[in-house]
Amino acid sequence: MDEQSTEVRAQAVDRVLSVLTILAAGPKSISDVARELGVHRSTALRLLRVLEARKFVRREGDLRYRAGSMLISLGQQALEDSDLRAIAAPHLARLHDTTRETVHLAIREDDEVLYVDKIDGQAAVRMWSRIGKRGSIHCTGVGKAMAAFLPRAQLEDLSRRLKYERHTATTITDRESFLAEMAITRERGWAVDDAEHEPLVHCIAAPVMQANGSVSAISIASPVTSLEELRSFVPNMLSTAAAISRDQGVEPGSTPAASSR
């Protein structure tokens, strides 16, 4: 295969992956996909038909396309294959049994939060978060918990890349405030989301240290329990984070000491 043919194939693959990324954000029309790809409508339709035939996308009655069963299945399989998720699962279950609140496990990917596990609490009101969904680092509990415990140079670099989009009236929207919050979070040993990402939803979070030096996080969140009430679960949350870290080969002393202030 000559170099030109290889380049054409690579471009086709890139377009297909771009279509999947576009649809991951929600259902789109053919025109929407064509516009975001920067291609003619007929090209977008051709790509969508190929993906539909393989069940990577599905067409709805209003002629919009969304992620299909094959894409969802592959994503779920990838999450199930995650060593972190498997290691954390029994610890998260115990934390949920103790608190009866929603608990999350998240990692950092491409300067965003990626939720890799979630156990819903007893509240009738459902929250925005779900497994496989991405969120902002600067205003989620898990995002803050991961960022605060990065090496200083990495935190500085990350703080320059973040967009600081406002989600609620209490969202941090500038770099200086974010870094100040990170200093407080690191000293305290755990993070707080005071309805900063989703109105009325409060959250506490703790870092989970991994042997490769990366940082993931767990959180306890609720749309009905106050932040002050959630603080009573800090010792349980920190001991859970330490247990998950330990199971990944990191000694408990490497995680922040428990504090409920």
Protein backbone atom coordinates (compact mmCIF):
# COMPACT_ATOMS: atom_id res chain seq x y z
CA MET A 1 0.00 0.00 0.00
CA ASP A 2 1.46 3.35 -1.00
CA GLU A 3 1.78 6.35 1.29
CA GLN A 4 -1.12 8.22 -0.30
CA SER A 5 -3.51 5.28 0.19
CA THR A 6 -2.41 4.98 3.80
CA GLU A 7 -3.12 8.67 4.37
CA VAL A 8 -6.60 8.36 2.83
CA ARG A 9 -7.42 5.40 5.06
CA ALA A 10 -6.11 7.22 8.12
CA GLN A 11 -8.32 10.21 7.30
CA ALA A 12 -11.36 7.93 6.96
CA VAL A 13 -10.64 6.33 10.33
CA ASP A 14 -10.23 9.77 11.91
CA ARG A 15 -13.61 10.85 10.53
CA VAL A 16 -15.33 7.75 11.85
CA LEU A 17 -13.88 8.29 15.31
CA SER A 18 -14.87 11.95 15.13
CA VAL A 19 -18.47 10.96 14.37
CA LEU A 20 -18.55 8.72 17.44
CA THR A 21 -17.13 11.51 19.59
CA ILE A 22 -19.74 13.96 18.27
CA LEU A 23 -22.61 11.57 19.01
CA ALA A 24 -21.25 10.84 22.48
CA ALA A 25 -22.35 14.38 23.40
CA GLY A 26 -25.96 13.65 22.40
CA PRO A 27 -28.19 12.94 19.38
CA LYS A 28 -27.37 14.87 16.21
CA SER A 29 -28.91 15.31 12.77
CA ILE A 30 -27.00 14.56 9.57
CA SER A 31 -26.52 18.29 9.08
CA ASP A 32 -25.18 18.66 12.62
CA VAL A 33 -22.62 15.91 12.04
CA ALA A 34 -21.60 17.34 8.65
CA ARG A 35 -21.12 20.80 10.13
CA GLU A 36 -19.02 19.61 13.07
CA LEU A 37 -16.91 17.38 10.81
CA GLY A 38 -16.53 20.08 8.18
CA VAL A 39 -17.68 17.77 5.37
CA HIS A 40 -20.53 17.64 2.84
CA ARG A 41 -23.85 16.27 4.07
CA SER A 42 -23.57 13.27 1.73
CA THR A 43 -20.22 12.33 3.27
CA ALA A 44 -21.67 12.52 6.77
CA LEU A 45 -24.63 10.37 5.70
CA ARG A 46 -22.32 7.74 4.23
CA LEU A 47 -20.32 7.51 7.47
CA LEU A 48 -23.45 7.32 9.58
CA ARG A 49 -24.93 4.53 7.44
CA VAL A 50 -21.77 2.43 7.81
CA LEU A 51 -21.78 2.94 11.57
CA GLU A 52 -25.51 2.22 11.77
CA ALA A 53 -25.05 -1.08 9.93
CA ARG A 54 -22.47 -2.12 12.55
CA LYS A 55 -24.70 -0.92 15.42
CA PHE A 56 -22.23 1.76 16.53
CA VAL A 57 -24.95 4.37 15.99
CA ARG A 58 -28.72 4.18 15.73
CA ARG A 59 -31.21 6.37 13.90
CA GLU A 60 -34.20 7.74 15.75
CA GLY A 61 -37.65 8.57 14.42
CA ASP A 62 -36.82 12.25 14.00
CA LEU A 63 -33.87 11.31 11.73
CA ARG A 64 -31.32 12.11 14.38
CA TYR A 65 -28.51 9.73 15.25
CA ARG A 66 -27.19 8.72 18.66
CA ALA A 67 -24.68 6.24 20.10
CA GLY A 68 -25.67 2.65 19.35
CA SER A 69 -25.67 -0.58 21.32
CA MET A 70 -22.27 -1.75 20.06
CA LEU A 71 -20.54 1.44 21.22
CA ILE A 72 -22.24 1.26 24.60
CA SER A 73 -21.30 -2.41 24.93
CA LEU A 74 -17.64 -1.75 24.12
CA GLY A 75 -17.52 1.13 26.56
CA GLN A 76 -19.03 -0.97 29.31
CA GLN A 77 -16.58 -3.78 28.59
CA ALA A 78 -13.66 -1.37 28.81
CA LEU A 79 -14.88 -0.18 32.20
CA GLU A 80 -15.37 -3.73 33.45
CA ASP A 81 -11.83 -4.58 32.37
CA SER A 82 -10.45 -1.74 34.49
CA ASP A 83 -8.34 -3.06 37.36
CA LEU A 84 -9.15 0.03 39.41
CA ARG A 85 -12.89 -0.46 39.07
CA ALA A 86 -12.66 -4.12 40.06
CA ILE A 87 -10.43 -3.36 43.05
CA ALA A 88 -12.60 -0.48 44.25
CA ALA A 89 -15.99 -2.18 43.81
CA PRO A 90 -16.25 -4.00 47.18
CA HIS A 91 -14.94 -0.95 49.04
CA LEU A 92 -17.47 1.33 47.34
CA ALA A 93 -20.26 -1.12 48.16
CA ARG A 94 -19.35 -1.02 51.85
CA LEU A 95 -19.16 2.78 51.81
CA HIS A 96 -22.58 2.93 50.18
CA ASP A 97 -24.02 0.50 52.74
CA THR A 98 -22.68 2.69 55.54
CA THR A 99 -23.76 6.07 54.20
CA ARG A 100 -26.78 5.21 52.01
CA GLU A 101 -25.67 8.09 49.80
CA THR A 102 -24.48 8.06 46.18
CA VAL A 103 -20.84 7.06 45.83
CA HIS A 104 -18.60 7.56 42.79
CA LEU A 105 -15.26 6.38 41.48
CA ALA A 106 -13.58 8.61 38.90
CA ILE A 107 -10.34 8.99 36.99
CA ARG A 108 -8.80 11.95 35.17
CA GLU A 109 -8.71 11.72 31.39
CA ASP A 110 -7.90 14.50 28.90
CA ASP A 111 -8.22 17.18 31.58
CA GLU A 112 -11.70 16.01 32.50
CA VAL A 113 -13.29 13.78 35.11
CA LEU A 114 -14.45 10.38 33.86
CA TYR A 115 -16.87 8.50 36.12
CA VAL A 116 -16.01 4.80 36.02
CA ASP A 117 -18.35 3.55 38.75
CA LYS A 118 -21.39 4.78 40.63
CA ILE A 119 -23.80 3.37 43.21
CA ASP A 120 -26.96 5.44 43.58
CA GLY A 121 -28.12 6.59 46.98
CA GLN A 122 -31.63 6.43 48.40
CA ALA A 123 -32.69 9.93 47.34
CA ALA A 124 -35.54 9.95 44.83
CA VAL A 125 -33.85 12.79 42.93
CA ARG A 126 -31.30 11.47 40.44
CA MET A 127 -28.08 13.31 39.79
CA TRP A 128 -26.39 14.25 36.52
CA SER A 129 -23.47 11.86 36.96
CA ARG A 130 -23.43 8.39 35.44
CA ILE A 131 -20.87 5.75 34.53
CA GLY A 132 -18.95 6.78 31.42
CA LYS A 133 -19.91 10.46 31.68
CA ARG A 134 -17.32 13.20 31.78
CA GLY A 135 -17.30 16.26 34.03
CA SER A 136 -15.29 19.36 34.81
CA ILE A 137 -12.27 19.13 37.08
CA HIS A 138 -12.52 22.60 38.64
CA CYS A 139 -15.99 22.20 40.14
CA THR A 140 -16.53 18.50 40.95
CA GLY A 141 -15.47 16.89 44.18
CA VAL A 142 -13.61 14.08 42.44
CA GLY A 143 -11.94 16.54 40.07
CA LYS A 144 -10.68 18.68 42.92
CA ALA A 145 -9.51 15.65 44.90
CA MET A 146 -7.46 14.42 41.95
CA ALA A 147 -6.01 17.81 41.03
CA ALA A 148 -5.04 18.86 44.56
CA PHE A 149 -2.76 15.86 45.03
CA LEU A 150 -0.89 16.12 41.76
CA PRO A 151 2.78 17.12 41.88
CA ARG A 152 3.00 20.92 42.01
CA ALA A 153 4.31 21.32 38.45
CA GLN A 154 1.54 19.13 37.05
CA LEU A 155 -1.11 21.07 38.98
CA GLU A 156 0.27 24.36 37.63
CA ASP A 157 0.14 23.06 34.07
CA LEU A 158 -3.37 21.70 34.53
CA SER A 159 -4.61 24.97 36.05
CA ARG A 160 -3.49 26.85 32.93
CA ARG A 161 -5.38 24.49 30.60
CA LEU A 162 -8.74 24.42 32.40
CA LYS A 163 -11.61 26.49 30.97
CA TYR A 164 -13.29 27.33 34.33
CA GLU A 165 -16.78 27.18 32.86
CA ARG A 166 -19.52 28.37 35.21
CA HIS A 167 -22.14 25.70 36.02
CA THR A 168 -23.84 27.22 39.06
CA ALA A 169 -23.70 30.38 41.17
CA THR A 170 -20.99 28.85 43.38
CA THR A 171 -18.68 27.55 40.63
CA ILE A 172 -15.01 28.56 40.76
CA THR A 173 -14.38 30.50 37.56
CA ASP A 174 -10.74 31.63 37.65
CA ARG A 175 -7.31 30.09 38.02
CA GLU A 176 -6.30 31.95 41.17
CA SER A 177 -9.38 30.82 43.09
CA PHE A 178 -8.89 27.27 41.85
CA LEU A 179 -5.28 27.11 43.04
CA ALA A 180 -6.28 28.57 46.40
CA GLU A 181 -8.93 25.87 46.72
CA MET A 182 -6.36 23.23 45.80
CA ALA A 183 -4.07 24.38 48.60
CA ILE A 184 -6.90 24.14 51.12
CA THR A 185 -7.95 20.75 49.79
CA ARG A 186 -4.44 19.33 49.99
CA GLU A 187 -3.96 20.54 53.56
CA ARG A 188 -7.37 19.25 54.64
CA GLY A 189 -6.93 15.91 52.87
CA TRP A 190 -10.27 15.84 51.06
CA ALA A 191 -12.30 17.95 48.63
CA VAL A 192 -15.66 19.71 48.68
CA ASP A 193 -18.17 20.46 45.93
CA ASP A 194 -20.58 22.98 47.43
CA ALA A 195 -23.25 22.72 44.69
CA GLU A 196 -20.62 23.99 42.23
CA HIS A 197 -21.26 21.56 39.38
CA GLU A 198 -24.96 20.81 39.81
CA PRO A 199 -27.47 22.97 41.73
CA LEU A 200 -28.39 21.58 45.17
CA VAL A 201 -25.96 18.65 44.89
CA HIS A 202 -23.27 18.60 47.57
CA CYS A 203 -20.28 16.32 47.55
CA ILE A 204 -17.17 15.35 49.48
CA ALA A 205 -14.32 13.49 47.78
CA ALA A 206 -10.98 11.88 48.54
CA PRO A 207 -7.96 11.00 46.41
CA VAL A 208 -7.02 7.41 45.67
CA MET A 209 -3.29 6.99 45.12
CA GLN A 210 -2.00 4.44 42.62
CA ALA A 211 1.35 2.70 42.40
CA ASN A 212 2.10 4.29 39.01
CA GLY A 213 1.87 7.76 40.58
CA SER A 214 -1.52 8.70 39.12
CA VAL A 215 -4.43 9.92 41.24
CA SER A 216 -8.06 8.82 40.98
CA ALA A 217 -10.83 9.71 43.43
CA ILE A 218 -13.96 8.57 45.22
CA SER A 219 -16.82 10.74 46.41
CA ILE A 220 -20.02 10.78 48.43
CA ALA A 221 -22.71 13.02 46.96
CA SER A 222 -26.33 13.89 47.59
CA PRO A 223 -29.03 16.21 46.23
CA VAL A 224 -30.83 16.28 49.59
CA THR A 225 -28.21 15.86 52.33
CA SER A 226 -26.48 19.05 53.41
CA LEU A 227 -22.74 19.53 53.14
CA GLU A 228 -22.49 19.68 56.93
CA GLU A 229 -24.22 16.31 57.21
CA LEU A 230 -21.96 14.81 54.56
CA ARG A 231 -18.92 15.87 56.59
CA SER A 232 -19.80 13.20 59.16
CA PHE A 233 -18.85 10.62 56.53
CA VAL A 234 -15.33 11.99 56.00
CA PRO A 235 -13.60 9.34 58.18
CA ASN A 236 -15.44 6.53 56.35
CA MET A 237 -14.58 8.05 52.98
CA LEU A 238 -10.89 8.51 53.78
CA SER A 239 -10.55 5.00 55.17
CA THR A 240 -12.21 3.68 51.99
CA ALA A 241 -9.82 5.67 49.79
CA ALA A 242 -6.87 4.37 51.81
CA ALA A 243 -8.09 0.78 51.48
CA ILE A 244 -8.40 1.10 47.69
CA SER A 245 -4.94 2.65 47.53
CA ARG A 246 -3.53 -0.17 49.66
CA ASP A 247 -5.07 -2.79 47.38
CA GLN A 248 -3.20 -1.17 44.49
CA GLY A 249 0.13 -1.38 46.24
CA VAL A 250 0.25 2.04 47.90
CA GLU A 251 0.73 2.13 51.66
CA PRO A 252 -1.98 3.99 53.62
CA GLY A 253 0.61 6.47 54.86
CA SER A 254 0.95 7.73 51.29
CA THR A 255 -2.63 9.03 51.34
CA PRO A 256 -3.74 12.18 53.22
CA ALA A 257 -4.34 11.81 56.90
CA ALA A 258 -7.98 11.83 58.01
CA SER A 259 -9.36 15.20 59.01
CA SER A 260 -12.94 16.44 59.29
CA ARG A 261 -12.34 20.14 59.65
